[in-house]
Amino acid sequence: QVQLVESGGGLVQPGGSLRLSCVVSGIFSINDMGWYRQAPGKQREWVAAITSAGRPNYADSVKGRCSISRDNAMKTVYLQMNSLKSEDTAVYYCYVVDPVGDNYWGQGTQVTVSS
């Protein structure tokens, strides 16, 4: 059974930083790893992804403020978020894609940016 467990969310002031982590278990091989987010009353929005070769991609809304990385040995993906804004408030979900194209999702971690 594939499991993804996110951590690192919380309450942070505008301009602050957070580092999200997502540990994956129960899967032999992973292609892409990434993050989505969903703010209250809004559709889920893709945030960032990183290929198995380590090539990152970012949504325009977070480009320059976020950095995605992965540890293949630990089957972990990270999202470093800096210069956080109130509009970054959302539940952040990690996901992975296996070699046959199946997607797996975590349960989400809440990020709240507020003074």
N, C-alpha and C. Protein backbone atom coordinates (compact mmCIF):
# COMPACT_ATOMS: atom_id res chain seq x y z
N GLN A 1 0.84 -1.19 0.00
CA GLN A 1 0.00 0.00 0.00
C GLN A 1 0.88 1.25 0.00
N VAL A 2 0.62 2.12 -0.96
CA VAL A 2 1.41 3.34 -1.06
C VAL A 2 0.88 4.37 -0.07
N GLN A 3 1.79 4.95 0.68
CA GLN A 3 1.41 6.00 1.63
C GLN A 3 2.32 7.21 1.44
N LEU A 4 1.71 8.38 1.52
CA LEU A 4 2.44 9.64 1.47
C LEU A 4 2.06 10.43 2.72
N VAL A 5 3.06 10.85 3.47
CA VAL A 5 2.81 11.57 4.71
C VAL A 5 3.52 12.91 4.65
N GLU A 6 2.70 13.98 4.63
CA GLU A 6 3.24 15.34 4.59
C GLU A 6 3.46 15.86 6.01
N SER A 7 4.39 16.77 6.14
CA SER A 7 4.63 17.46 7.40
C SER A 7 5.23 18.82 7.09
N GLY A 8 5.27 19.67 8.12
CA GLY A 8 5.92 20.96 7.97
C GLY A 8 4.99 22.14 7.82
N GLY A 9 3.71 21.88 7.71
CA GLY A 9 2.77 23.00 7.61
C GLY A 9 2.60 23.70 8.94
N GLY A 10 1.88 24.81 8.91
CA GLY A 10 1.66 25.55 10.13
C GLY A 10 1.26 26.98 9.87
N LEU A 11 1.31 27.77 10.91
CA LEU A 11 0.97 29.19 10.84
C LEU A 11 2.26 30.00 10.74
N VAL A 12 2.31 30.88 9.77
CA VAL A 12 3.49 31.71 9.57
C VAL A 12 3.05 33.11 9.20
N GLN A 13 3.84 34.10 9.56
CA GLN A 13 3.52 35.48 9.23
C GLN A 13 3.88 35.77 7.78
N PRO A 14 3.23 36.73 7.18
CA PRO A 14 3.60 37.14 5.82
C PRO A 14 5.08 37.48 5.75
N GLY A 15 5.71 37.00 4.68
CA GLY A 15 7.14 37.18 4.53
C GLY A 15 7.97 36.06 5.11
N GLY A 16 7.33 35.18 5.85
CA GLY A 16 8.04 34.08 6.49
C GLY A 16 8.29 32.91 5.55
N SER A 17 8.84 31.85 6.13
CA SER A 17 9.21 30.67 5.35
C SER A 17 8.70 29.41 6.03
N LEU A 18 8.48 28.40 5.21
CA LEU A 18 8.15 27.07 5.69
C LEU A 18 8.80 26.05 4.76
N ARG A 19 9.09 24.89 5.32
CA ARG A 19 9.59 23.79 4.51
C ARG A 19 8.69 22.59 4.71
N LEU A 20 8.03 22.20 3.64
CA LEU A 20 7.16 21.03 3.67
C LEU A 20 7.94 19.80 3.27
N SER A 21 7.60 18.68 3.89
CA SER A 21 8.21 17.41 3.56
C SER A 21 7.12 16.39 3.27
N CYS A 22 7.45 15.43 2.45
CA CYS A 22 6.51 14.35 2.14
C CYS A 22 7.31 13.06 1.99
N VAL A 23 7.04 12.12 2.88
CA VAL A 23 7.73 10.84 2.87
C VAL A 23 6.82 9.80 2.23
N VAL A 24 7.36 9.07 1.29
CA VAL A 24 6.59 8.07 0.54
C VAL A 24 7.04 6.67 0.95
N SER A 25 6.08 5.80 1.13
CA SER A 25 6.40 4.41 1.43
C SER A 25 5.50 3.49 0.63
N GLY A 26 5.91 2.24 0.52
CA GLY A 26 5.09 1.25 -0.15
C GLY A 26 5.17 1.29 -1.66
N ILE A 27 6.19 1.95 -2.21
CA ILE A 27 6.32 2.06 -3.65
C ILE A 27 7.77 1.76 -4.02
N PHE A 28 7.97 1.02 -5.11
CA PHE A 28 9.33 0.61 -5.46
C PHE A 28 10.06 1.69 -6.24
N SER A 29 9.36 2.33 -7.15
CA SER A 29 10.03 3.30 -8.02
C SER A 29 9.11 4.51 -8.23
N ILE A 30 9.72 5.70 -8.28
CA ILE A 30 8.96 6.94 -8.43
C ILE A 30 9.50 7.72 -9.60
N ASN A 31 8.63 8.21 -10.44
CA ASN A 31 9.03 9.16 -11.47
C ASN A 31 8.91 10.57 -10.92
N ASP A 32 7.89 11.28 -11.30
CA ASP A 32 7.73 12.66 -10.83
C ASP A 32 7.22 12.70 -9.38
N MET A 33 7.62 13.74 -8.68
CA MET A 33 7.10 14.04 -7.35
C MET A 33 6.69 15.51 -7.37
N GLY A 34 5.68 15.87 -6.61
CA GLY A 34 5.27 17.26 -6.66
C GLY A 34 4.27 17.64 -5.59
N TRP A 35 3.78 18.85 -5.75
CA TRP A 35 2.85 19.44 -4.78
C TRP A 35 1.71 20.16 -5.51
N TYR A 36 0.54 19.99 -4.95
CA TYR A 36 -0.61 20.80 -5.28
C TYR A 36 -1.04 21.53 -4.02
N ARG A 37 -1.93 22.48 -4.19
CA ARG A 37 -2.54 23.13 -3.03
C ARG A 37 -3.99 23.46 -3.34
N GLN A 38 -4.76 23.57 -2.28
CA GLN A 38 -6.16 23.95 -2.43
C GLN A 38 -6.53 24.93 -1.34
N ALA A 39 -6.88 26.13 -1.77
CA ALA A 39 -7.33 27.16 -0.84
C ALA A 39 -8.83 27.05 -0.64
N PRO A 40 -9.33 27.57 0.46
CA PRO A 40 -10.78 27.48 0.73
C PRO A 40 -11.60 28.08 -0.41
N GLY A 41 -12.56 27.32 -0.91
CA GLY A 41 -13.43 27.81 -1.95
C GLY A 41 -12.82 27.84 -3.34
N LYS A 42 -11.62 27.30 -3.49
CA LYS A 42 -10.94 27.34 -4.79
C LYS A 42 -10.62 25.93 -5.25
N GLN A 43 -10.34 25.81 -6.55
CA GLN A 43 -9.95 24.53 -7.10
C GLN A 43 -8.51 24.20 -6.72
N ARG A 44 -8.21 22.91 -6.76
CA ARG A 44 -6.84 22.50 -6.49
C ARG A 44 -5.91 23.07 -7.55
N GLU A 45 -4.78 23.58 -7.12
CA GLU A 45 -3.82 24.25 -8.00
C GLU A 45 -2.47 23.55 -7.93
N TRP A 46 -1.93 23.23 -9.08
CA TRP A 46 -0.58 22.66 -9.11
C TRP A 46 0.44 23.72 -8.70
N VAL A 47 1.41 23.31 -7.88
CA VAL A 47 2.40 24.23 -7.35
C VAL A 47 3.79 23.99 -7.96
N ALA A 48 4.24 22.76 -7.87
CA ALA A 48 5.60 22.46 -8.32
C ALA A 48 5.75 20.96 -8.50
N ALA A 49 6.72 20.59 -9.31
CA ALA A 49 7.04 19.18 -9.52
C ALA A 49 8.52 19.04 -9.80
N ILE A 50 9.01 17.84 -9.59
CA ILE A 50 10.41 17.55 -9.87
C ILE A 50 10.51 16.16 -10.47
N THR A 51 11.27 16.05 -11.55
CA THR A 51 11.40 14.76 -12.23
C THR A 51 12.37 13.85 -11.48
N SER A 52 12.43 12.61 -11.89
CA SER A 52 13.36 11.68 -11.26
C SER A 52 14.81 12.09 -11.49
N ALA A 53 15.05 12.87 -12.53
CA ALA A 53 16.40 13.39 -12.80
C ALA A 53 16.68 14.67 -12.04
N GLY A 54 15.70 15.17 -11.30
CA GLY A 54 15.93 16.35 -10.49
C GLY A 54 15.59 17.67 -11.16
N ARG A 55 14.87 17.61 -12.27
CA ARG A 55 14.51 18.84 -12.96
C ARG A 55 13.21 19.40 -12.39
N PRO A 56 13.25 20.64 -11.88
CA PRO A 56 12.06 21.20 -11.25
C PRO A 56 11.22 22.04 -12.22
N ASN A 57 9.95 22.16 -11.89
CA ASN A 57 9.06 23.08 -12.58
C ASN A 57 8.16 23.72 -11.54
N TYR A 58 7.78 24.97 -11.80
CA TYR A 58 7.01 25.71 -10.83
C TYR A 58 5.84 26.43 -11.49
N ALA A 59 4.77 26.58 -10.72
CA ALA A 59 3.68 27.44 -11.17
C ALA A 59 4.16 28.89 -11.12
N ASP A 60 3.62 29.71 -11.99
CA ASP A 60 4.03 31.12 -12.02
C ASP A 60 3.78 31.79 -10.68
N SER A 61 2.75 31.34 -9.97
CA SER A 61 2.37 31.99 -8.72
C SER A 61 3.41 31.81 -7.61
N VAL A 62 4.28 30.82 -7.74
CA VAL A 62 5.28 30.57 -6.69
C VAL A 62 6.71 30.66 -7.22
N LYS A 63 6.86 30.85 -8.51
CA LYS A 63 8.21 30.88 -9.11
C LYS A 63 9.04 31.99 -8.47
N GLY A 64 10.25 31.65 -8.08
CA GLY A 64 11.13 32.62 -7.44
C GLY A 64 10.99 32.66 -5.93
N ARG A 65 9.93 32.04 -5.41
CA ARG A 65 9.72 32.03 -3.96
C ARG A 65 9.78 30.62 -3.39
N CYS A 66 9.66 29.62 -4.23
CA CYS A 66 9.63 28.24 -3.77
C CYS A 66 10.72 27.42 -4.45
N SER A 67 11.15 26.40 -3.75
CA SER A 67 12.16 25.50 -4.29
C SER A 67 11.77 24.07 -3.93
N ILE A 68 11.68 23.24 -4.96
CA ILE A 68 11.33 21.83 -4.73
C ILE A 68 12.60 20.99 -4.86
N SER A 69 12.71 20.00 -4.02
CA SER A 69 13.84 19.09 -4.08
C SER A 69 13.38 17.70 -3.65
N ARG A 70 14.24 16.72 -3.88
CA ARG A 70 13.87 15.35 -3.52
C ARG A 70 15.10 14.58 -3.08
N ASP A 71 14.86 13.60 -2.23
CA ASP A 71 15.87 12.67 -1.80
C ASP A 71 15.40 11.30 -2.25
N ASN A 72 15.97 10.79 -3.31
CA ASN A 72 15.48 9.54 -3.87
C ASN A 72 15.70 8.36 -2.94
N ALA A 73 16.80 8.37 -2.23
CA ALA A 73 17.08 7.26 -1.31
C ALA A 73 16.05 7.20 -0.19
N MET A 74 15.63 8.36 0.26
CA MET A 74 14.65 8.45 1.35
C MET A 74 13.22 8.53 0.84
N LYS A 75 13.05 8.54 -0.47
CA LYS A 75 11.73 8.67 -1.08
C LYS A 75 10.97 9.84 -0.45
N THR A 76 11.62 10.98 -0.44
CA THR A 76 11.07 12.18 0.19
C THR A 76 11.16 13.35 -0.77
N VAL A 77 10.11 14.16 -0.78
CA VAL A 77 10.11 15.38 -1.57
C VAL A 77 9.88 16.55 -0.62
N TYR A 78 10.56 17.65 -0.92
CA TYR A 78 10.51 18.84 -0.08
C TYR A 78 9.99 20.02 -0.89
N LEU A 79 9.37 20.95 -0.19
CA LEU A 79 8.99 22.22 -0.80
C LEU A 79 9.38 23.34 0.16
N GLN A 80 10.40 24.06 -0.20
CA GLN A 80 10.83 25.22 0.58
C GLN A 80 10.07 26.43 0.07
N MET A 81 9.35 27.07 0.96
CA MET A 81 8.54 28.22 0.56
C MET A 81 9.02 29.45 1.32
N ASN A 82 9.39 30.48 0.59
CA ASN A 82 9.89 31.72 1.17
C ASN A 82 8.98 32.89 0.77
N SER A 83 9.15 33.99 1.46
CA SER A 83 8.38 35.21 1.16
C SER A 83 6.90 34.88 1.04
N LEU A 84 6.40 34.16 2.02
CA LEU A 84 5.02 33.69 1.96
C LEU A 84 4.04 34.85 2.02
N LYS A 85 2.94 34.67 1.28
CA LYS A 85 1.89 35.68 1.21
C LYS A 85 0.58 35.08 1.72
N SER A 86 -0.37 35.93 2.02
CA SER A 86 -1.66 35.42 2.51
C SER A 86 -2.31 34.51 1.48
N GLU A 87 -2.07 34.80 0.21
CA GLU A 87 -2.68 33.99 -0.84
C GLU A 87 -2.04 32.61 -0.98
N ASP A 88 -0.99 32.36 -0.23
CA ASP A 88 -0.40 31.02 -0.20
C ASP A 88 -1.11 30.11 0.80
N THR A 89 -2.02 30.69 1.56
CA THR A 89 -2.78 29.90 2.53
C THR A 89 -3.60 28.84 1.81
N ALA A 90 -3.38 27.59 2.20
CA ALA A 90 -4.05 26.47 1.53
C ALA A 90 -3.65 25.17 2.23
N VAL A 91 -4.34 24.12 1.86
CA VAL A 91 -3.88 22.78 2.21
C VAL A 91 -2.96 22.31 1.08
N TYR A 92 -1.78 21.88 1.45
CA TYR A 92 -0.78 21.45 0.47
C TYR A 92 -0.73 19.92 0.43
N TYR A 93 -0.86 19.39 -0.78
CA TYR A 93 -0.86 17.95 -0.98
C TYR A 93 0.35 17.54 -1.82
N CYS A 94 1.05 16.54 -1.37
CA CYS A 94 2.11 16.00 -2.22
C CYS A 94 1.55 14.85 -3.05
N TYR A 95 2.22 14.59 -4.16
CA TYR A 95 1.82 13.49 -5.02
C TYR A 95 3.07 12.88 -5.65
N VAL A 96 2.93 11.64 -6.06
CA VAL A 96 4.00 10.98 -6.82
C VAL A 96 3.38 10.26 -7.99
N VAL A 97 4.18 10.06 -9.00
CA VAL A 97 3.77 9.33 -10.19
C VAL A 97 4.71 8.14 -10.36
N ASP A 98 4.14 6.96 -10.47
CA ASP A 98 5.00 5.78 -10.61
C ASP A 98 5.32 5.54 -12.09
N PRO A 99 6.19 4.60 -12.40
CA PRO A 99 6.61 4.41 -13.80
C PRO A 99 5.49 4.03 -14.76
N VAL A 100 4.37 3.52 -14.26
CA VAL A 100 3.27 3.20 -15.17
C VAL A 100 2.24 4.32 -15.25
N GLY A 101 2.53 5.43 -14.58
CA GLY A 101 1.67 6.60 -14.69
C GLY A 101 0.59 6.74 -13.64
N ASP A 102 0.57 5.87 -12.65
CA ASP A 102 -0.41 6.00 -11.58
C ASP A 102 0.03 7.10 -10.61
N ASN A 103 -0.96 7.88 -10.16
CA ASN A 103 -0.71 8.96 -9.21
C ASN A 103 -1.14 8.53 -7.82
N TYR A 104 -0.38 8.95 -6.84
CA TYR A 104 -0.72 8.71 -5.44
C TYR A 104 -0.62 10.04 -4.70
N TRP A 105 -1.50 10.20 -3.70
CA TRP A 105 -1.65 11.48 -3.02
C TRP A 105 -1.51 11.33 -1.52
N GLY A 106 -1.01 12.39 -0.89
CA GLY A 106 -1.01 12.47 0.56
C GLY A 106 -2.32 13.06 1.07
N GLN A 107 -2.43 13.14 2.39
CA GLN A 107 -3.64 13.64 3.03
C GLN A 107 -3.64 15.17 3.16
N GLY A 108 -2.51 15.79 2.97
CA GLY A 108 -2.44 17.24 3.00
C GLY A 108 -1.92 17.79 4.32
N THR A 109 -1.33 18.96 4.23
CA THR A 109 -0.87 19.68 5.40
C THR A 109 -1.27 21.15 5.25
N GLN A 110 -1.80 21.71 6.31
CA GLN A 110 -2.33 23.08 6.26
C GLN A 110 -1.21 24.09 6.39
N VAL A 111 -1.22 25.06 5.50
CA VAL A 111 -0.33 26.21 5.58
C VAL A 111 -1.21 27.45 5.69
N THR A 112 -0.99 28.21 6.75
CA THR A 112 -1.75 29.44 6.98
C THR A 112 -0.78 30.59 7.11
N VAL A 113 -0.96 31.58 6.26
CA VAL A 113 -0.09 32.77 6.28
C VAL A 113 -0.95 33.93 6.77
N SER A 114 -0.63 34.38 7.97
CA SER A 114 -1.44 35.43 8.58
C SER A 114 -0.64 36.13 9.66
N SER A 115 -0.93 37.40 9.83
CA SER A 115 -0.30 38.15 10.91
C SER A 115 -1.18 38.13 12.15
